[in-house]
Every structure is written in structure tokens, then in C-alpha cells.
């Protein structure tokens, strides 16, 4: 799994996900994860501070 360097100053994953429009199945497919996993990430932060 790719982990961006901390100096990249990327926004938090939840900030990015809130800006993405579309249904959860499409977003999950694009990210290569299951819709259930994406729902879990929206409830609590993903592991590894992604």
C-alpha cells in the first residue's frame, strides 16, 4: 500500500471522501475496496492514518 510522505500535506481521507460525489459503490470500486469497508472508514478513520 502506498503511503504518502508526511510532508505531502495531503488532506485527511475523510475530507477527500466528503468532497467526492457519487454513490458509495462507485467510490469504493474506484478505491479498490469494498463498500462495507468504505462505510467503516467514514464512521472511523482508516488504519495507518491513511
PDB file of N, CA and C in Angstrom:
ATOM      1  N   UNK A   1       0.837  -1.169   0.000  1.00  0.00           N
ATOM      2  CA  UNK A   1       0.000   0.000   0.000  1.00  0.00           C
ATOM      3  C   UNK A   1       0.887   1.238   0.000  1.00  0.00           C
ATOM      4  N   UNK A   2       0.573   2.186  -0.856  1.00  0.00           N
ATOM      5  CA  UNK A   2       1.323   3.430  -0.933  1.00  0.00           C
ATOM      6  C   UNK A   2       0.971   4.325   0.239  1.00  0.00           C
ATOM      7  N   UNK A   3       1.974   4.875   0.870  1.00  0.00           N
ATOM      8  CA  UNK A   3       1.752   5.832   1.955  1.00  0.00           C
ATOM      9  C   UNK A   3       2.479   7.112   1.587  1.00  0.00           C
ATOM     10  N   UNK A   4       1.742   8.175   1.448  1.00  0.00           N
ATOM     11  CA  UNK A   4       2.332   9.456   1.090  1.00  0.00           C
ATOM     12  C   UNK A   4       3.209   9.952   2.231  1.00  0.00           C
ATOM     13  N   UNK A   5       4.296  10.633   1.895  1.00  0.00           N
ATOM     14  CA  UNK A   5       5.137  11.186   2.955  1.00  0.00           C
ATOM     15  C   UNK A   5       4.372  12.241   3.758  1.00  0.00           C
ATOM     16  N   UNK A   6       4.723  12.366   5.012  1.00  0.00           N
ATOM     17  CA  UNK A   6       4.003  13.318   5.864  1.00  0.00           C
ATOM     18  C   UNK A   6       4.172  14.752   5.367  1.00  0.00           C
ATOM     19  N   UNK A   7       5.238  15.028   4.634  1.00  0.00           N
ATOM     20  CA  UNK A   7       5.466  16.367   4.123  1.00  0.00           C
ATOM     21  C   UNK A   7       4.548  16.715   2.958  1.00  0.00           C
ATOM     22  N   UNK A   8       3.788  15.755   2.476  1.00  0.00           N
ATOM     23  CA  UNK A   8       2.933  15.998   1.312  1.00  0.00           C
ATOM     24  C   UNK A   8       1.775  16.937   1.645  1.00  0.00           C
ATOM     25  N   UNK A   9       1.459  17.103   2.925  1.00  0.00           N
ATOM     26  CA  UNK A   9       0.371  17.976   3.356  1.00  0.00           C
ATOM     27  C   UNK A   9      -0.952  17.643   2.673  1.00  0.00           C
ATOM     28  N   UNK A  10      -1.223  16.358   2.533  1.00  0.00           N
ATOM     29  CA  UNK A  10      -2.476  15.927   1.934  1.00  0.00           C
ATOM     30  C   UNK A  10      -3.599  16.059   2.948  1.00  0.00           C
ATOM     31  N   UNK A  11      -4.811  16.383   2.489  1.00  0.00           N
ATOM     32  CA  UNK A  11      -5.929  16.443   3.432  1.00  0.00           C
ATOM     33  C   UNK A  11      -6.280  15.042   3.930  1.00  0.00           C
ATOM     34  N   UNK A  12      -6.974  14.994   5.037  1.00  0.00           N
ATOM     35  CA  UNK A  12      -7.400  13.729   5.621  1.00  0.00           C
ATOM     36  C   UNK A  12      -8.328  13.006   4.643  1.00  0.00           C
ATOM     37  N   UNK A  13      -8.284  11.685   4.655  1.00  0.00           N
ATOM     38  CA  UNK A  13      -9.103  10.884   3.741  1.00  0.00           C
ATOM     39  C   UNK A  13     -10.584  11.234   3.852  1.00  0.00           C
ATOM     40  N   UNK A  14     -11.069  11.448   5.059  1.00  0.00           N
ATOM     41  CA  UNK A  14     -12.490  11.766   5.223  1.00  0.00           C
ATOM     42  C   UNK A  14     -12.844  13.097   4.565  1.00  0.00           C
ATOM     43  N   UNK A  15     -11.926  14.041   4.566  1.00  0.00           N
ATOM     44  CA  UNK A  15     -12.151  15.313   3.876  1.00  0.00           C
ATOM     45  C   UNK A  15     -12.286  15.071   2.379  1.00  0.00           C
ATOM     46  N   UNK A  16     -11.421  14.236   1.840  1.00  0.00           N
ATOM     47  CA  UNK A  16     -11.486  13.920   0.410  1.00  0.00           C
ATOM     48  C   UNK A  16     -12.782  13.190   0.073  1.00  0.00           C
ATOM     49  N   UNK A  17     -13.156  12.219   0.895  1.00  0.00           N
ATOM     50  CA  UNK A  17     -14.366  11.439   0.622  1.00  0.00           C
ATOM     51  C   UNK A  17     -15.619  12.300   0.683  1.00  0.00           C
ATOM     52  N   UNK A  18     -15.639  13.285   1.570  1.00  0.00           N
ATOM     53  CA  UNK A  18     -16.800  14.168   1.666  1.00  0.00           C
ATOM     54  C   UNK A  18     -16.950  15.052   0.438  1.00  0.00           C
ATOM     55  N   UNK A  19     -15.859  15.290  -0.283  1.00  0.00           N
ATOM     56  CA  UNK A  19     -15.903  16.120  -1.483  1.00  0.00           C
ATOM     57  C   UNK A  19     -16.262  15.334  -2.741  1.00  0.00           C
ATOM     58  N   UNK A  20     -16.229  14.007  -2.667  1.00  0.00           N
ATOM     59  CA  UNK A  20     -16.498  13.172  -3.829  1.00  0.00           C
ATOM     60  C   UNK A  20     -18.001  12.931  -3.932  1.00  0.00           C
ATOM     61  N   UNK A  21     -18.542  13.229  -5.104  1.00  0.00           N
ATOM     62  CA  UNK A  21     -19.967  12.991  -5.333  1.00  0.00           C
ATOM     63  C   UNK A  21     -20.130  11.690  -6.106  1.00  0.00           C
ATOM     64  N   UNK A  22     -21.165  10.974  -5.813  1.00  0.00           N
ATOM     65  CA  UNK A  22     -21.418   9.675  -6.430  1.00  0.00           C
ATOM     66  C   UNK A  22     -21.824   8.702  -5.350  1.00  0.00           C
ATOM     67  N   UNK A  23     -22.308   7.566  -5.784  1.00  0.00           N
ATOM     68  CA  UNK A  23     -22.749   6.620  -4.758  1.00  0.00           C
ATOM     69  C   UNK A  23     -21.552   5.872  -4.175  1.00  0.00           C
ATOM     70  N   UNK A  24     -21.755   5.311  -3.017  1.00  0.00           N
ATOM     71  CA  UNK A  24     -20.670   4.690  -2.262  1.00  0.00           C
ATOM     72  C   UNK A  24     -20.076   3.488  -3.008  1.00  0.00           C
ATOM     73  N   UNK A  25     -20.889   2.792  -3.797  1.00  0.00           N
ATOM     74  CA  UNK A  25     -20.377   1.646  -4.557  1.00  0.00           C
ATOM     75  C   UNK A  25     -19.368   2.085  -5.611  1.00  0.00           C
ATOM     76  N   UNK A  26     -19.640   3.182  -6.297  1.00  0.00           N
ATOM     77  CA  UNK A  26     -18.728   3.685  -7.316  1.00  0.00           C
ATOM     78  C   UNK A  26     -17.406   4.153  -6.702  1.00  0.00           C
ATOM     79  N   UNK A  27     -17.496   4.865  -5.604  1.00  0.00           N
ATOM     80  CA  UNK A  27     -16.292   5.375  -4.943  1.00  0.00           C
ATOM     81  C   UNK A  27     -15.454   4.212  -4.424  1.00  0.00           C
ATOM     82  N   UNK A  28     -16.090   3.237  -3.796  1.00  0.00           N
ATOM     83  CA  UNK A  28     -15.371   2.073  -3.270  1.00  0.00           C
ATOM     84  C   UNK A  28     -14.690   1.294  -4.394  1.00  0.00           C
ATOM     85  N   UNK A  29     -15.390   1.115  -5.501  1.00  0.00           N
ATOM     86  CA  UNK A  29     -14.801   0.401  -6.640  1.00  0.00           C
ATOM     87  C   UNK A  29     -13.572   1.138  -7.156  1.00  0.00           C
ATOM     88  N   UNK A  30     -13.664   2.454  -7.229  1.00  0.00           N
ATOM     89  CA  UNK A  30     -12.535   3.262  -7.709  1.00  0.00           C
ATOM     90  C   UNK A  30     -11.334   3.151  -6.761  1.00  0.00           C
ATOM     91  N   UNK A  31     -11.599   3.069  -5.466  1.00  0.00           N
ATOM     92  CA  UNK A  31     -10.529   2.953  -4.480  1.00  0.00           C
ATOM     93  C   UNK A  31     -10.011   1.525  -4.333  1.00  0.00           C
ATOM     94  N   UNK A  32     -10.746   0.564  -4.888  1.00  0.00           N
ATOM     95  CA  UNK A  32     -10.326  -0.831  -4.801  1.00  0.00           C
ATOM     96  C   UNK A  32     -10.633  -1.465  -3.461  1.00  0.00           C
ATOM     97  N   UNK A  33     -11.667  -0.969  -2.799  1.00  0.00           N
ATOM     98  CA  UNK A  33     -12.098  -1.541  -1.523  1.00  0.00           C
ATOM     99  C   UNK A  33     -13.586  -1.851  -1.610  1.00  0.00           C
ATOM    100  N   UNK A  34     -14.074  -2.606  -0.634  1.00  0.00           N
ATOM    101  CA  UNK A  34     -15.497  -2.949  -0.652  1.00  0.00           C
ATOM    102  C   UNK A  34     -16.315  -1.768  -0.121  1.00  0.00           C
ATOM    103  N   UNK A  35     -17.576  -1.677  -0.531  1.00  0.00           N
ATOM    104  CA  UNK A  35     -18.444  -0.621   0.001  1.00  0.00           C
ATOM    105  C   UNK A  35     -18.554  -0.677   1.531  1.00  0.00           C
ATOM    106  N   UNK A  36     -18.552  -1.884   2.097  1.00  0.00           N
ATOM    107  CA  UNK A  36     -18.628  -2.022   3.555  1.00  0.00           C
ATOM    108  C   UNK A  36     -17.399  -1.403   4.233  1.00  0.00           C
ATOM    109  N   UNK A  37     -16.229  -1.607   3.640  1.00  0.00           N
ATOM    110  CA  UNK A  37     -15.009  -1.034   4.187  1.00  0.00           C
ATOM    111  C   UNK A  37     -15.047   0.486   4.109  1.00  0.00           C
ATOM    112  N   UNK A  38     -15.529   1.013   3.004  1.00  0.00           N
ATOM    113  CA  UNK A  38     -15.631   2.462   2.858  1.00  0.00           C
ATOM    114  C   UNK A  38     -16.591   3.047   3.893  1.00  0.00           C
ATOM    115  N   UNK A  39     -17.686   2.350   4.149  1.00  0.00           N
ATOM    116  CA  UNK A  39     -18.626   2.813   5.183  1.00  0.00           C
ATOM    117  C   UNK A  39     -17.945   2.835   6.553  1.00  0.00           C
ATOM    118  N   UNK A  40     -17.129   1.813   6.842  1.00  0.00           N
ATOM    119  CA  UNK A  40     -16.400   1.777   8.116  1.00  0.00           C
ATOM    120  C   UNK A  40     -15.430   2.946   8.203  1.00  0.00           C
ATOM    121  N   UNK A  41     -14.741   3.249   7.099  1.00  0.00           N
ATOM    122  CA  UNK A  41     -13.790   4.360   7.081  1.00  0.00           C
ATOM    123  C   UNK A  41     -14.497   5.687   7.331  1.00  0.00           C
ATOM    124  N   UNK A  42     -15.738   5.804   6.859  1.00  0.00           N
ATOM    125  CA  UNK A  42     -16.471   7.056   7.072  1.00  0.00           C
ATOM    126  C   UNK A  42     -16.909   7.200   8.533  1.00  0.00           C
ATOM    127  N   UNK A  43     -17.104   6.081   9.231  1.00  0.00           N
ATOM    128  CA  UNK A  43     -17.500   6.119  10.639  1.00  0.00           C
ATOM    129  C   UNK A  43     -16.294   6.380  11.517  1.00  0.00           C
ATOM    130  N   UNK A  44     -15.199   5.702  11.225  1.00  0.00           N
ATOM    131  CA  UNK A  44     -13.954   5.932  11.973  1.00  0.00           C
ATOM    132  C   UNK A  44     -12.809   5.964  10.973  1.00  0.00           C
ATOM    133  N   UNK A  45     -11.738   6.589  11.330  1.00  0.00           N
ATOM    134  CA  UNK A  45     -10.604   6.771  10.421  1.00  0.00           C
ATOM    135  C   UNK A  45     -10.027   5.432   9.975  1.00  0.00           C
ATOM    136  N   UNK A  46      -9.498   5.387   8.764  1.00  0.00           N
ATOM    137  CA  UNK A  46      -8.876   4.148   8.274  1.00  0.00           C
ATOM    138  C   UNK A  46      -7.613   3.837   9.053  1.00  0.00           C
ATOM    139  N   UNK A  47      -7.209   2.572   9.058  1.00  0.00           N
ATOM    140  CA  UNK A  47      -5.986   2.194   9.780  1.00  0.00           C
ATOM    141  C   UNK A  47      -4.752   2.816   9.133  1.00  0.00           C
ATOM    142  N   UNK A  48      -3.746   3.038   9.910  1.00  0.00           N
ATOM    143  CA  UNK A  48      -2.487   3.559   9.383  1.00  0.00           C
ATOM    144  C   UNK A  48      -2.527   5.037   9.069  1.00  0.00           C
ATOM    145  N   UNK A  49      -3.564   5.718   9.478  1.00  0.00           N
ATOM    146  CA  UNK A  49      -3.626   7.148   9.238  1.00  0.00           C
ATOM    147  C   UNK A  49      -3.687   7.521   7.766  1.00  0.00           C
ATOM    148  N   UNK A  50      -4.227   6.623   6.965  1.00  0.00           N
ATOM    149  CA  UNK A  50      -4.283   6.883   5.517  1.00  0.00           C
ATOM    150  C   UNK A  50      -5.125   8.079   5.204  1.00  0.00           C
TER     151      UNK A  50
END
